[in-house]
Amino acid sequence: MAAINTQLLKGTLDGALLLVISSGETYGYEITEKLSEMGFLSIAAGTIYPILQKLERDGYIQGEMRKSSEGPKRKYLTITEKGKLRLDEFIAEWSKLTMAMTSLINESRNSDLC
């Protein structure tokens, strides 16, 4: 699977991270692995951690440092109620955007513009 253009990713990473975290308690490395499995191949950990910090500062997620059975302490993340509301907003916005883009693509294909 080819990597997704980084310019396209910029506006979607907050939502993608909230989606991953909403499925259950997780930590940074596990999030990057999940995103990679789902096709987000070009996202470096150095990109994800600042966004996670911002999401936590904004109250969308909360973190708790705990000892790991596999090494050093990890920060386990969960989504907050505020984060769930933001995720619902993101999904609604994303749905509108994808419908608009699909309509535009279909229209341009039908008129032989592509």
PDB file of N, CA and C in Angstrom:
ATOM      1  N   MET A   1       0.852  -1.175   0.000  1.00  0.00           N
ATOM      2  CA  MET A   1       0.000   0.000   0.000  1.00  0.00           C
ATOM      3  C   MET A   1       0.898   1.238   0.000  1.00  0.00           C
ATOM      4  N   ALA A   2       0.610   2.175  -0.853  1.00  0.00           N
ATOM      5  CA  ALA A   2       1.409   3.399  -0.958  1.00  0.00           C
ATOM      6  C   ALA A   2       1.114   4.334   0.213  1.00  0.00           C
ATOM      7  N   ALA A   3       2.112   5.116   0.570  1.00  0.00           N
ATOM      8  CA  ALA A   3       1.959   6.094   1.651  1.00  0.00           C
ATOM      9  C   ALA A   3       1.001   7.201   1.225  1.00  0.00           C
ATOM     10  N   ILE A   4       0.283   7.736   2.193  1.00  0.00           N
ATOM     11  CA  ILE A   4      -0.657   8.824   1.947  1.00  0.00           C
ATOM     12  C   ILE A   4       0.111  10.138   1.935  1.00  0.00           C
ATOM     13  N   ASN A   5      -0.228  11.011   1.014  1.00  0.00           N
ATOM     14  CA  ASN A   5       0.407  12.318   0.893  1.00  0.00           C
ATOM     15  C   ASN A   5       0.325  13.059   2.227  1.00  0.00           C
ATOM     16  N   THR A   6       1.461  13.556   2.697  1.00  0.00           N
ATOM     17  CA  THR A   6       1.497  14.206   4.011  1.00  0.00           C
ATOM     18  C   THR A   6       0.648  15.465   4.076  1.00  0.00           C
ATOM     19  N   GLN A   7       0.498  16.167   2.972  1.00  0.00           N
ATOM     20  CA  GLN A   7      -0.353  17.362   2.973  1.00  0.00           C
ATOM     21  C   GLN A   7      -1.810  16.984   3.218  1.00  0.00           C
ATOM     22  N   LEU A   8      -2.236  15.838   2.682  1.00  0.00           N
ATOM     23  CA  LEU A   8      -3.604  15.380   2.918  1.00  0.00           C
ATOM     24  C   LEU A   8      -3.803  14.944   4.372  1.00  0.00           C
ATOM     25  N   LEU A   9      -2.748  14.452   4.983  1.00  0.00           N
ATOM     26  CA  LEU A   9      -2.844  13.959   6.358  1.00  0.00           C
ATOM     27  C   LEU A   9      -2.979  15.056   7.399  1.00  0.00           C
ATOM     28  N   LYS A  10      -2.442  16.229   7.111  1.00  0.00           N
ATOM     29  CA  LYS A  10      -2.359  17.283   8.130  1.00  0.00           C
ATOM     30  C   LYS A  10      -3.683  17.569   8.823  1.00  0.00           C
ATOM     31  N   GLY A  11      -4.743  17.651   8.087  1.00  0.00           N
ATOM     32  CA  GLY A  11      -6.027  17.981   8.684  1.00  0.00           C
ATOM     33  C   GLY A  11      -6.768  16.798   9.266  1.00  0.00           C
ATOM     34  N   THR A  12      -6.210  15.598   9.116  1.00  0.00           N
ATOM     35  CA  THR A  12      -6.937  14.413   9.545  1.00  0.00           C
ATOM     36  C   THR A  12      -6.316  13.671  10.721  1.00  0.00           C
ATOM     37  N   LEU A  13      -5.098  14.004  11.068  1.00  0.00           N
ATOM     38  CA  LEU A  13      -4.415  13.233  12.113  1.00  0.00           C
ATOM     39  C   LEU A  13      -5.085  13.329  13.474  1.00  0.00           C
ATOM     40  N   ASP A  14      -5.582  14.497  13.847  1.00  0.00           N
ATOM     41  CA  ASP A  14      -6.276  14.610  15.137  1.00  0.00           C
ATOM     42  C   ASP A  14      -7.421  13.601  15.196  1.00  0.00           C
ATOM     43  N   GLY A  15      -8.230  13.584  14.148  1.00  0.00           N
ATOM     44  CA  GLY A  15      -9.363  12.663  14.097  1.00  0.00           C
ATOM     45  C   GLY A  15      -8.929  11.215  14.071  1.00  0.00           C
ATOM     46  N   ALA A  16      -7.889  10.911  13.304  1.00  0.00           N
ATOM     47  CA  ALA A  16      -7.389   9.534  13.230  1.00  0.00           C
ATOM     48  C   ALA A  16      -6.896   9.065  14.599  1.00  0.00           C
ATOM     49  N   LEU A  17      -6.184   9.938  15.301  1.00  0.00           N
ATOM     50  CA  LEU A  17      -5.690   9.579  16.633  1.00  0.00           C
ATOM     51  C   LEU A  17      -6.842   9.380  17.613  1.00  0.00           C
ATOM     52  N   LEU A  18      -7.827  10.261  17.570  1.00  0.00           N
ATOM     53  CA  LEU A  18      -8.987  10.101  18.450  1.00  0.00           C
ATOM     54  C   LEU A  18      -9.728   8.801  18.145  1.00  0.00           C
ATOM     55  N   LEU A  19      -9.827   8.452  16.865  1.00  0.00           N
ATOM     56  CA  LEU A  19     -10.482   7.191  16.496  1.00  0.00           C
ATOM     57  C   LEU A  19      -9.751   5.993  17.082  1.00  0.00           C
ATOM     58  N   VAL A  20      -8.442   5.971  16.958  1.00  0.00           N
ATOM     59  CA  VAL A  20      -7.662   4.852  17.503  1.00  0.00           C
ATOM     60  C   VAL A  20      -7.819   4.788  19.018  1.00  0.00           C
ATOM     61  N   ILE A  21      -7.696   5.924  19.675  1.00  0.00           N
ATOM     62  CA  ILE A  21      -7.776   5.953  21.140  1.00  0.00           C
ATOM     63  C   ILE A  21      -9.185   5.617  21.624  1.00  0.00           C
ATOM     64  N   SER A  22     -10.199   5.959  20.837  1.00  0.00           N
ATOM     65  CA  SER A  22     -11.584   5.686  21.245  1.00  0.00           C
ATOM     66  C   SER A  22     -11.890   4.193  21.300  1.00  0.00           C
ATOM     67  N   SER A  23     -11.076   3.370  20.643  1.00  0.00           N
ATOM     68  CA  SER A  23     -11.342   1.932  20.647  1.00  0.00           C
ATOM     69  C   SER A  23     -10.808   1.249  21.907  1.00  0.00           C
ATOM     70  N   GLY A  24     -10.135   1.991  22.764  1.00  0.00           N
ATOM     71  CA  GLY A  24      -9.667   1.430  24.028  1.00  0.00           C
ATOM     72  C   GLY A  24      -8.334   2.006  24.442  1.00  0.00           C
ATOM     73  N   GLU A  25      -8.006   1.825  25.699  1.00  0.00           N
ATOM     74  CA  GLU A  25      -6.763   2.349  26.256  1.00  0.00           C
ATOM     75  C   GLU A  25      -5.569   1.893  25.415  1.00  0.00           C
ATOM     76  N   THR A  26      -4.664   2.817  25.152  1.00  0.00           N
ATOM     77  CA  THR A  26      -3.523   2.516  24.299  1.00  0.00           C
ATOM     78  C   THR A  26      -2.368   3.441  24.647  1.00  0.00           C
ATOM     79  N   TYR A  27      -1.249   3.260  23.995  1.00  0.00           N
ATOM     80  CA  TYR A  27      -0.074   4.109  24.216  1.00  0.00           C
ATOM     81  C   TYR A  27       0.549   4.447  22.866  1.00  0.00           C
ATOM     82  N   GLY A  28       1.484   5.399  22.873  1.00  0.00           N
ATOM     83  CA  GLY A  28       2.016   5.976  21.643  1.00  0.00           C
ATOM     84  C   GLY A  28       2.495   4.993  20.599  1.00  0.00           C
ATOM     85  N   TYR A  29       3.363   4.067  20.987  1.00  0.00           N
ATOM     86  CA  TYR A  29       3.904   3.121  20.011  1.00  0.00           C
ATOM     87  C   TYR A  29       2.797   2.257  19.414  1.00  0.00           C
ATOM     88  N   GLU A  30       1.881   1.827  20.251  1.00  0.00           N
ATOM     89  CA  GLU A  30       0.763   1.006  19.787  1.00  0.00           C
ATOM     90  C   GLU A  30      -0.098   1.789  18.786  1.00  0.00           C
ATOM     91  N   ILE A  31      -0.262   3.081  19.024  1.00  0.00           N
ATOM     92  CA  ILE A  31      -1.026   3.933  18.109  1.00  0.00           C
ATOM     93  C   ILE A  31      -0.333   4.015  16.757  1.00  0.00           C
ATOM     94  N   THR A  32       0.983   4.235  16.753  1.00  0.00           N
ATOM     95  CA  THR A  32       1.701   4.329  15.474  1.00  0.00           C
ATOM     96  C   THR A  32       1.629   3.008  14.722  1.00  0.00           C
ATOM     97  N   GLU A  33       1.692   1.892  15.431  1.00  0.00           N
ATOM     98  CA  GLU A  33       1.578   0.578  14.790  1.00  0.00           C
ATOM     99  C   GLU A  33       0.195   0.397  14.165  1.00  0.00           C
ATOM    100  N   LYS A  34      -0.843   0.774  14.891  1.00  0.00           N
ATOM    101  CA  LYS A  34      -2.215   0.647  14.389  1.00  0.00           C
ATOM    102  C   LYS A  34      -2.408   1.515  13.148  1.00  0.00           C
ATOM    103  N   LEU A  35      -1.934   2.753  13.199  1.00  0.00           N
ATOM    104  CA  LEU A  35      -2.061   3.640  12.043  1.00  0.00           C
ATOM    105  C   LEU A  35      -1.321   3.070  10.840  1.00  0.00           C
ATOM    106  N   SER A  36      -0.152   2.513  11.075  1.00  0.00           N
ATOM    107  CA  SER A  36       0.627   1.912   9.993  1.00  0.00           C
ATOM    108  C   SER A  36      -0.130   0.736   9.377  1.00  0.00           C
ATOM    109  N   GLU A  37      -0.724  -0.106  10.216  1.00  0.00           N
ATOM    110  CA  GLU A  37      -1.523  -1.241   9.733  1.00  0.00           C
ATOM    111  C   GLU A  37      -2.687  -0.768   8.865  1.00  0.00           C
ATOM    112  N   MET A  38      -3.232   0.400   9.182  1.00  0.00           N
ATOM    113  CA  MET A  38      -4.399   0.915   8.473  1.00  0.00           C
ATOM    114  C   MET A  38      -4.027   1.740   7.243  1.00  0.00           C
ATOM    115  N   GLY A  39      -2.731   1.818   6.923  1.00  0.00           N
ATOM    116  CA  GLY A  39      -2.324   2.495   5.702  1.00  0.00           C
ATOM    117  C   GLY A  39      -1.681   3.853   5.888  1.00  0.00           C
ATOM    118  N   PHE A  40      -1.572   4.306   7.121  1.00  0.00           N
ATOM    119  CA  PHE A  40      -0.918   5.586   7.401  1.00  0.00           C
ATOM    120  C   PHE A  40       0.585   5.337   7.552  1.00  0.00           C
ATOM    121  N   LEU A  41       1.230   5.003   6.451  1.00  0.00           N
ATOM    122  CA  LEU A  41       2.610   4.530   6.485  1.00  0.00           C
ATOM    123  C   LEU A  41       3.640   5.623   6.683  1.00  0.00           C
ATOM    124  N   SER A  42       3.331   6.834   6.312  1.00  0.00           N
ATOM    125  CA  SER A  42       4.347   7.888   6.316  1.00  0.00           C
ATOM    126  C   SER A  42       4.355   8.728   7.591  1.00  0.00           C
ATOM    127  N   ILE A  43       3.671   8.284   8.629  1.00  0.00           N
ATOM    128  CA  ILE A  43       3.585   9.074   9.857  1.00  0.00           C
ATOM    129  C   ILE A  43       4.657   8.623  10.840  1.00  0.00           C
ATOM    130  N   ALA A  44       5.554   9.526  11.174  1.00  0.00           N
ATOM    131  CA  ALA A  44       6.624   9.228  12.126  1.00  0.00           C
ATOM    132  C   ALA A  44       6.143   9.482  13.550  1.00  0.00           C
ATOM    133  N   ALA A  45       6.766   8.789  14.489  1.00  0.00           N
ATOM    134  CA  ALA A  45       6.434   9.002  15.901  1.00  0.00           C
ATOM    135  C   ALA A  45       6.642  10.458  16.288  1.00  0.00           C
ATOM    136  N   GLY A  46       7.637  11.104  15.698  1.00  0.00           N
ATOM    137  CA  GLY A  46       7.904  12.511  15.978  1.00  0.00           C
ATOM    138  C   GLY A  46       6.784  13.432  15.546  1.00  0.00           C
ATOM    139  N   THR A  47       5.922  12.949  14.672  1.00  0.00           N
ATOM    140  CA  THR A  47       4.740  13.703  14.254  1.00  0.00           C
ATOM    141  C   THR A  47       3.590  13.448  15.214  1.00  0.00           C
ATOM    142  N   ILE A  48       3.455  12.218  15.649  1.00  0.00           N
ATOM    143  CA  ILE A  48       2.310  11.818  16.459  1.00  0.00           C
ATOM    144  C   ILE A  48       2.378  12.347  17.892  1.00  0.00           C
ATOM    145  N   TYR A  49       3.534  12.276  18.522  1.00  0.00           N
ATOM    146  CA  TYR A  49       3.620  12.651  19.937  1.00  0.00           C
ATOM    147  C   TYR A  49       3.242  14.103  20.211  1.00  0.00           C
ATOM    148  N   PRO A  50       3.664  15.078  19.404  1.00  0.00           N
ATOM    149  CA  PRO A  50       3.205  16.455  19.658  1.00  0.00           C
ATOM    150  C   PRO A  50       1.685  16.610  19.515  1.00  0.00           C
ATOM    151  N   ILE A  51       1.090  15.875  18.592  1.00  0.00           N
ATOM    152  CA  ILE A  51      -0.368  15.942  18.431  1.00  0.00           C
ATOM    153  C   ILE A  51      -1.048  15.324  19.643  1.00  0.00           C
ATOM    154  N   LEU A  52      -0.517  14.208  20.133  1.00  0.00           N
ATOM    155  CA  LEU A  52      -1.073  13.598  21.343  1.00  0.00           C
ATOM    156  C   LEU A  52      -0.978  14.558  22.528  1.00  0.00           C
ATOM    157  N   GLN A  53       0.138  15.262  22.649  1.00  0.00           N
ATOM    158  CA  GLN A  53       0.291  16.240  23.732  1.00  0.00           C
ATOM    159  C   GLN A  53      -0.744  17.351  23.613  1.00  0.00           C
ATOM    160  N   LYS A  54      -0.976  17.812  22.387  1.00  0.00           N
ATOM    161  CA  LYS A  54      -1.974  18.865  22.165  1.00  0.00           C
ATOM    162  C   LYS A  54      -3.376  18.354  22.498  1.00  0.00           C
ATOM    163  N   LEU A  55      -3.690  17.135  22.070  1.00  0.00           N
ATOM    164  CA  LEU A  55      -5.004  16.559  22.373  1.00  0.00           C
ATOM    165  C   LEU A  55      -5.206  16.436  23.885  1.00  0.00           C
ATOM    166  N   GLU A  56      -4.139  16.107  24.594  1.00  0.00           N
ATOM    167  CA  GLU A  56      -4.239  16.010  26.052  1.00  0.00           C
ATOM    168  C   GLU A  56      -4.401  17.396  26.677  1.00  0.00           C
ATOM    169  N   ARG A  57      -3.621  18.361  26.225  1.00  0.00           N
ATOM    170  CA  ARG A  57      -3.746  19.742  26.738  1.00  0.00           C
ATOM    171  C   ARG A  57      -5.149  20.282  26.512  1.00  0.00           C
ATOM    172  N   ASP A  58      -5.733  19.953  25.360  1.00  0.00           N
ATOM    173  CA  ASP A  58      -7.067  20.449  25.020  1.00  0.00           C
ATOM    174  C   ASP A  58      -8.185  19.673  25.714  1.00  0.00           C
ATOM    175  N   GLY A  59      -7.827  18.623  26.448  1.00  0.00           N
ATOM    176  CA  GLY A  59      -8.818  17.865  27.207  1.00  0.00           C
ATOM    177  C   GLY A  59      -9.546  16.796  26.422  1.00  0.00           C
ATOM    178  N   TYR A  60      -9.049  16.437  25.243  1.00  0.00           N
ATOM    179  CA  TYR A  60      -9.703  15.418  24.420  1.00  0.00           C
ATOM    180  C   TYR A  60      -9.288  13.998  24.799  1.00  0.00           C
ATOM    181  N   ILE A  61      -8.097  13.874  25.357  1.00  0.00           N
ATOM    182  CA  ILE A  61      -7.614  12.589  25.844  1.00  0.00           C
ATOM    183  C   ILE A  61      -6.975  12.815  27.206  1.00  0.00           C
ATOM    184  N   GLN A  62      -6.815  11.735  27.955  1.00  0.00           N
ATOM    185  CA  GLN A  62      -6.086  11.833  29.212  1.00  0.00           C
ATOM    186  C   GLN A  62      -5.076  10.698  29.265  1.00  0.00           C
ATOM    187  N   GLY A  63      -3.956  10.994  29.902  1.00  0.00           N
ATOM    188  CA  GLY A  63      -2.889  10.014  29.981  1.00  0.00           C
ATOM    189  C   GLY A  63      -2.527   9.687  31.409  1.00  0.00           C
ATOM    190  N   GLU A  64      -2.059   8.464  31.591  1.00  0.00           N
ATOM    191  CA  GLU A  64      -1.624   8.011  32.911  1.00  0.00           C
ATOM    192  C   GLU A  64      -0.348   7.195  32.737  1.00  0.00           C
ATOM    193  N   MET A  65       0.718   7.615  33.411  1.00  0.00           N
ATOM    194  CA  MET A  65       1.982   6.879  33.370  1.00  0.00           C
ATOM    195  C   MET A  65       1.863   5.646  34.261  1.00  0.00           C
ATOM    196  N   ARG A  66       2.198   4.495  33.672  1.00  0.00           N
ATOM    197  CA  ARG A  66       2.155   3.246  34.432  1.00  0.00           C
ATOM    198  C   ARG A  66       3.319   2.360  34.029  1.00  0.00           C
ATOM    199  N   LYS A  67       3.683   1.517  34.923  1.00  0.00           N
ATOM    200  CA  LYS A  67       4.745   0.559  34.665  1.00  0.00           C
ATOM    201  C   LYS A  67       4.278  -0.426  33.592  1.00  0.00           C
ATOM    202  N   SER A  68       5.194  -0.766  32.712  1.00  0.00           N
ATOM    203  CA  SER A  68       4.905  -1.725  31.655  1.00  0.00           C
ATOM    204  C   SER A  68       5.558  -3.055  31.997  1.00  0.00           C
ATOM    205  N   SER A  69       4.907  -4.135  31.655  1.00  0.00           N
ATOM    206  CA  SER A  69       5.500  -5.456  31.886  1.00  0.00           C
ATOM    207  C   SER A  69       6.646  -5.726  30.913  1.00  0.00           C
ATOM    208  N   GLU A  70       6.767  -4.877  29.892  1.00  0.00           N
ATOM    209  CA  GLU A  70       7.772  -5.092  28.848  1.00  0.00           C
ATOM    210  C   GLU A  70       8.877  -4.043  28.853  1.00  0.00           C
ATOM    211  N   GLY A  71       9.086  -3.346  29.944  1.00  0.00           N
ATOM    212  CA  GLY A  71      10.153  -2.352  29.961  1.00  0.00           C
ATOM    213  C   GLY A  71       9.795  -1.126  30.767  1.00  0.00           C
ATOM    214  N   PRO A  72      10.183   0.058  30.261  1.00  0.00           N
ATOM    215  CA  PRO A  72       9.966   1.301  31.015  1.00  0.00           C
ATOM    216  C   PRO A  72       8.486   1.673  31.107  1.00  0.00           C
ATOM    217  N   LYS A  73       8.221   2.672  31.947  1.00  0.00           N
ATOM    218  CA  LYS A  73       6.851   3.169  32.081  1.00  0.00           C
ATOM    219  C   LYS A  73       6.324   3.640  30.732  1.00  0.00           C
ATOM    220  N   ARG A  74       5.017   3.520  30.569  1.00  0.00           N
ATOM    221  CA  ARG A  74       4.339   4.001  29.364  1.00  0.00           C
ATOM    222  C   ARG A  74       3.213   4.937  29.784  1.00  0.00           C
ATOM    223  N   LYS A  75       2.897   5.847  28.882  1.00  0.00           N
ATOM    224  CA  LYS A  75       1.757   6.728  29.114  1.00  0.00           C
ATOM    225  C   LYS A  75       0.562   6.111  28.393  1.00  0.00           C
ATOM    226  N   TYR A  76      -0.377   5.593  29.174  1.00  0.00           N
ATOM    227  CA  TYR A  76      -1.580   4.985  28.614  1.00  0.00           C
ATOM    228  C   TYR A  76      -2.629   6.072  28.418  1.00  0.00           C
ATOM    229  N   LEU A  77      -3.221   6.077  27.247  1.00  0.00           N
ATOM    230  CA  LEU A  77      -4.140   7.142  26.848  1.00  0.00           C
ATOM    231  C   LEU A  77      -5.561   6.620  26.707  1.00  0.00           C
ATOM    232  N   THR A  78      -6.514   7.445  27.136  1.00  0.00           N
ATOM    233  CA  THR A  78      -7.932   7.167  26.934  1.00  0.00           C
ATOM    234  C   THR A  78      -8.604   8.444  26.438  1.00  0.00           C
ATOM    235  N   ILE A  79      -9.717   8.268  25.763  1.00  0.00           N
ATOM    236  CA  ILE A  79     -10.467   9.417  25.260  1.00  0.00           C
ATOM    237  C   ILE A  79     -11.401   9.918  26.369  1.00  0.00           C
ATOM    238  N   THR A  80     -11.574  11.218  26.446  1.00  0.00           N
ATOM    239  CA  THR A  80     -12.469  11.828  27.435  1.00  0.00           C
ATOM    240  C   THR A  80     -13.847  12.049  26.797  1.00  0.00           C
ATOM    241  N   GLU A  81     -14.804  12.460  27.609  1.00  0.00           N
ATOM    242  CA  GLU A  81     -16.127  12.797  27.065  1.00  0.00           C
ATOM    243  C   GLU A  81     -16.008  13.941  26.059  1.00  0.00           C
ATOM    244  N   LYS A  82     -15.193  14.933  26.387  1.00  0.00           N
ATOM    245  CA  LYS A  82     -14.955  16.044  25.463  1.00  0.00           C
ATOM    246  C   LYS A  82     -14.341  15.519  24.166  1.00  0.00           C
ATOM    247  N   GLY A  83     -13.445  14.548  24.282  1.00  0.00           N
ATOM    248  CA  GLY A  83     -12.829  13.945  23.107  1.00  0.00           C
ATOM    249  C   GLY A  83     -13.835  13.187  22.256  1.00  0.00           C
ATOM    250  N   LYS A  84     -14.771  12.503  22.908  1.00  0.00           N
ATOM    251  CA  LYS A  84     -15.817  11.781  22.170  1.00  0.00           C
ATOM    252  C   LYS A  84     -16.680  12.754  21.376  1.00  0.00           C
ATOM    253  N   LEU A  85     -16.996  13.898  21.977  1.00  0.00           N
ATOM    254  CA  LEU A  85     -17.773  14.918  21.263  1.00  0.00           C
ATOM    255  C   LEU A  85     -16.988  15.460  20.074  1.00  0.00           C
ATOM    256  N   ARG A  86     -15.700  15.719  20.281  1.00  0.00           N
ATOM    257  CA  ARG A  86     -14.855  16.215  19.183  1.00  0.00           C
ATOM    258  C   ARG A  86     -14.744  15.168  18.086  1.00  0.00           C
ATOM    259  N   LEU A  87     -14.651  13.904  18.452  1.00  0.00           N
ATOM    260  CA  LEU A  87     -14.586  12.827  17.468  1.00  0.00           C
ATOM    261  C   LEU A  87     -15.876  12.763  16.659  1.00  0.00           C
ATOM    262  N   ASP A  88     -17.016  12.911  17.310  1.00  0.00           N
ATOM    263  CA  ASP A  88     -18.295  12.937  16.586  1.00  0.00           C
ATOM    264  C   ASP A  88     -18.322  14.091  15.583  1.00  0.00           C
ATOM    265  N   GLU A  89     -17.826  15.257  15.997  1.00  0.00           N
ATOM    266  CA  GLU A  89     -17.757  16.410  15.087  1.00  0.00           C
ATOM    267  C   GLU A  89     -16.831  16.110  13.910  1.00  0.00           C
ATOM    268  N   PHE A  90     -15.680  15.515  14.199  1.00  0.00           N
ATOM    269  CA  PHE A  90     -14.727  15.180  13.143  1.00  0.00           C
ATOM    270  C   PHE A  90     -15.353  14.221  12.132  1.00  0.00           C
ATOM    271  N   ILE A  91     -16.027  13.192  12.628  1.00  0.00           N
ATOM    272  CA  ILE A  91     -16.638  12.202  11.735  1.00  0.00           C
ATOM    273  C   ILE A  91     -17.687  12.867  10.852  1.00  0.00           C
ATOM    274  N   ALA A  92     -18.492  13.759  11.416  1.00  0.00           N
ATOM    275  CA  ALA A  92     -19.501  14.471  10.623  1.00  0.00           C
ATOM    276  C   ALA A  92     -18.835  15.348   9.567  1.00  0.00           C
ATOM    277  N   GLU A  93     -17.780  16.067   9.961  1.00  0.00           N
ATOM    278  CA  GLU A  93     -17.062  16.926   9.013  1.00  0.00           C
ATOM    279  C   GLU A  93     -16.400  16.092   7.923  1.00  0.00           C
ATOM    280  N   TRP A  94     -15.780  14.984   8.311  1.00  0.00           N
ATOM    281  CA  TRP A  94     -15.109  14.106   7.350  1.00  0.00           C
ATOM    282  C   TRP A  94     -16.124  13.523   6.363  1.00  0.00           C
ATOM    283  N   SER A  95     -17.289  13.139   6.861  1.00  0.00           N
ATOM    284  CA  SER A  95     -18.330  12.587   5.990  1.00  0.00           C
ATOM    285  C   SER A  95     -18.763  13.607   4.944  1.00  0.00           C
ATOM    286  N   LYS A  96     -18.947  14.855   5.367  1.00  0.00           N
ATOM    287  CA  LYS A  96     -19.318  15.911   4.418  1.00  0.00           C
ATOM    288  C   LYS A  96     -18.223  16.110   3.377  1.00  0.00           C
ATOM    289  N   LEU A  97     -16.972  16.142   3.828  1.00  0.00           N
ATOM    290  CA  LEU A  97     -15.852  16.348   2.912  1.00  0.00           C
ATOM    291  C   LEU A  97     -15.734  15.207   1.910  1.00  0.00           C
ATOM    292  N   THR A  98     -15.826  13.970   2.389  1.00  0.00           N
ATOM    293  CA  THR A  98     -15.680  12.841   1.464  1.00  0.00           C
ATOM    294  C   THR A  98     -16.848  12.771   0.486  1.00  0.00           C
ATOM    295  N   MET A  99     -18.050  13.114   0.923  1.00  0.00           N
ATOM    296  CA  MET A  99     -19.186  13.137  -0.005  1.00  0.00           C
ATOM    297  C   MET A  99     -18.987  14.204  -1.069  1.00  0.00           C
ATOM    298  N   ALA A 100     -18.518  15.381  -0.661  1.00  0.00           N
ATOM    299  CA  ALA A 100     -18.288  16.462  -1.619  1.00  0.00           C
ATOM    300  C   ALA A 100     -17.195  16.082  -2.611  1.00  0.00           C
ATOM    301  N   MET A 101     -16.102  15.498  -2.123  1.00  0.00           N
ATOM    302  CA  MET A 101     -15.014  15.091  -3.018  1.00  0.00           C
ATOM    303  C   MET A 101     -15.455  13.971  -3.954  1.00  0.00           C
ATOM    304  N   THR A 102     -16.214  13.019  -3.449  1.00  0.00           N
ATOM    305  CA  THR A 102     -16.715  11.932  -4.292  1.00  0.00           C
ATOM    306  C   THR A 102     -17.616  12.481  -5.380  1.00  0.00           C
ATOM    307  N   SER A 103     -18.484  13.419  -5.034  1.00  0.00           N
ATOM    308  CA  SER A 103     -19.358  14.047  -6.036  1.00  0.00           C
ATOM    309  C   SER A 103     -18.540  14.771  -7.089  1.00  0.00           C
ATOM    310  N   LEU A 104     -17.543  15.509  -6.653  1.00  0.00           N
ATOM    311  CA  LEU A 104     -16.692  16.246  -7.583  1.00  0.00           C
ATOM    312  C   LEU A 104     -15.924  15.297  -8.503  1.00  0.00           C
ATOM    313  N   ILE A 105     -15.374  14.240  -7.950  1.00  0.00           N
ATOM    314  CA  ILE A 105     -14.644  13.255  -8.755  1.00  0.00           C
ATOM    315  C   ILE A 105     -15.574  12.595  -9.760  1.00  0.00           C
ATOM    316  N   ASN A 106     -16.741  12.168  -9.303  1.00  0.00           N
ATOM    317  CA  ASN A 106     -17.694  11.519 -10.211  1.00  0.00           C
ATOM    318  C   ASN A 106     -18.136  12.458 -11.326  1.00  0.00           C
ATOM    319  N   GLU A 107     -18.406  13.709 -10.973  1.00  0.00           N
ATOM    320  CA  GLU A 107     -18.823  14.687 -11.977  1.00  0.00           C
ATOM    321  C   GLU A 107     -17.717  14.916 -13.005  1.00  0.00           C
ATOM    322  N   SER A 108     -16.492  15.044 -12.526  1.00  0.00           N
ATOM    323  CA  SER A 108     -15.393  15.297 -13.464  1.00  0.00           C
ATOM    324  C   SER A 108     -15.122  14.077 -14.338  1.00  0.00           C
ATOM    325  N   ARG A 109     -15.299  12.882 -13.817  1.00  0.00           N
ATOM    326  CA  ARG A 109     -15.126  11.668 -14.631  1.00  0.00           C
ATOM    327  C   ARG A 109     -16.219  11.568 -15.685  1.00  0.00           C
ATOM    328  N   ASN A 110     -17.424  11.931 -15.296  1.00  0.00           N
ATOM    329  CA  ASN A 110     -18.539  11.875 -16.241  1.00  0.00           C
ATOM    330  C   ASN A 110     -18.401  12.895 -17.354  1.00  0.00           C
ATOM    331  N   SER A 111     -17.709  13.992 -17.072  1.00  0.00           N
ATOM    332  CA  SER A 111     -17.534  15.019 -18.103  1.00  0.00           C
ATOM    333  C   SER A 111     -16.157  14.917 -18.759  1.00  0.00           C
ATOM    334  N   ASP A 112     -15.452  13.794 -18.511  1.00  0.00           N
ATOM    335  CA  ASP A 112     -14.140  13.520 -19.113  1.00  0.00           C
ATOM    336  C   ASP A 112     -13.093  14.567 -18.773  1.00  0.00           C
ATOM    337  N   LEU A 113     -13.185  15.184 -17.583  1.00  0.00           N
ATOM    338  CA  LEU A 113     -12.175  16.159 -17.177  1.00  0.00           C
ATOM    339  C   LEU A 113     -10.942  15.488 -16.584  1.00  0.00           C
ATOM    340  N   CYS A 114     -11.088  14.281 -16.096  1.00  0.00           N
ATOM    341  CA  CYS A 114      -9.938  13.569 -15.502  1.00  0.00           C
ATOM    342  C   CYS A 114      -9.297  12.655 -16.516  1.00  0.00           C
TER     343      CYS A 114
END
